Amino acid sequence: MGTVYSHLTLDDRRIVFRLREAKLGISAIASRLGFHPSTTY
């Protein structure tokens, strides 16, 4: 089997936006959403 990639939904992107506005770090946001930090960048 090949590599499985995850994409952020529009709702996920909105959450990332709000959490970044709240000065939360990328690692913390990724942890909350269940994604790898590189996905949230």
C-alpha atoms as a PDB file:
ATOM      1  CA  MET A   1       0.000   0.000   0.000  1.00  0.00           C
ATOM      2  CA  GLY A   2       1.066   3.584  -0.622  1.00  0.00           C
ATOM      3  CA  THR A   3       1.305   6.544   1.669  1.00  0.00           C
ATOM      4  CA  VAL A   4      -1.939   7.924   3.062  1.00  0.00           C
ATOM      5  CA  TYR A   5      -2.306  11.707   3.061  1.00  0.00           C
ATOM      6  CA  SER A   6      -4.734  13.731   5.149  1.00  0.00           C
ATOM      7  CA  HIS A   7      -6.162  17.052   4.087  1.00  0.00           C
ATOM      8  CA  LEU A   8      -7.698  19.739   6.232  1.00  0.00           C
ATOM      9  CA  THR A   9     -11.385  20.378   5.759  1.00  0.00           C
ATOM     10  CA  LEU A  10     -12.731  23.910   5.649  1.00  0.00           C
ATOM     11  CA  ASP A  11     -13.872  23.518   9.264  1.00  0.00           C
ATOM     12  CA  ASP A  12     -10.373  22.347  10.266  1.00  0.00           C
ATOM     13  CA  ARG A  13      -8.878  25.397   8.543  1.00  0.00           C
ATOM     14  CA  ARG A  14     -11.247  27.688  10.435  1.00  0.00           C
ATOM     15  CA  ILE A  15     -10.223  26.086  13.722  1.00  0.00           C
ATOM     16  CA  VAL A  16      -6.537  26.488  12.848  1.00  0.00           C
ATOM     17  CA  PHE A  17      -7.154  30.151  12.011  1.00  0.00           C
ATOM     18  CA  ARG A  18      -8.901  30.814  15.331  1.00  0.00           C
ATOM     19  CA  LEU A  19      -6.290  28.982  17.367  1.00  0.00           C
ATOM     20  CA  ARG A  20      -3.448  30.817  15.596  1.00  0.00           C
ATOM     21  CA  GLU A  21      -5.190  34.107  16.406  1.00  0.00           C
ATOM     22  CA  ALA A  22      -5.205  32.952  20.027  1.00  0.00           C
ATOM     23  CA  LYS A  23      -1.385  32.565  19.759  1.00  0.00           C
ATOM     24  CA  LEU A  24      -1.451  28.771  20.079  1.00  0.00           C
ATOM     25  CA  GLY A  25       1.529  26.940  18.598  1.00  0.00           C
ATOM     26  CA  ILE A  26       1.387  24.719  15.539  1.00  0.00           C
ATOM     27  CA  SER A  27       2.247  21.589  17.532  1.00  0.00           C
ATOM     28  CA  ALA A  28      -0.562  22.226  20.016  1.00  0.00           C
ATOM     29  CA  ILE A  29      -3.051  22.866  17.212  1.00  0.00           C
ATOM     30  CA  ALA A  30      -1.985  19.720  15.373  1.00  0.00           C
ATOM     31  CA  SER A  31      -2.335  17.709  18.560  1.00  0.00           C
ATOM     32  CA  ARG A  32      -5.858  19.030  19.149  1.00  0.00           C
ATOM     33  CA  LEU A  33      -6.961  18.243  15.604  1.00  0.00           C
ATOM     34  CA  GLY A  34      -5.186  14.892  15.418  1.00  0.00           C
ATOM     35  CA  PHE A  35      -2.950  15.867  12.498  1.00  0.00           C
ATOM     36  CA  HIS A  36       0.812  15.856  12.057  1.00  0.00           C
ATOM     37  CA  PRO A  37       2.300  19.352  12.622  1.00  0.00           C
ATOM     38  CA  SER A  38       3.455  19.541   9.004  1.00  0.00           C
ATOM     39  CA  THR A  39      -0.165  19.217   7.908  1.00  0.00           C
ATOM     40  CA  THR A  40      -1.176  22.306   9.866  1.00  0.00           C
ATOM     41  CA  TYR A  41       1.564  24.430   8.325  1.00  0.00           C
END
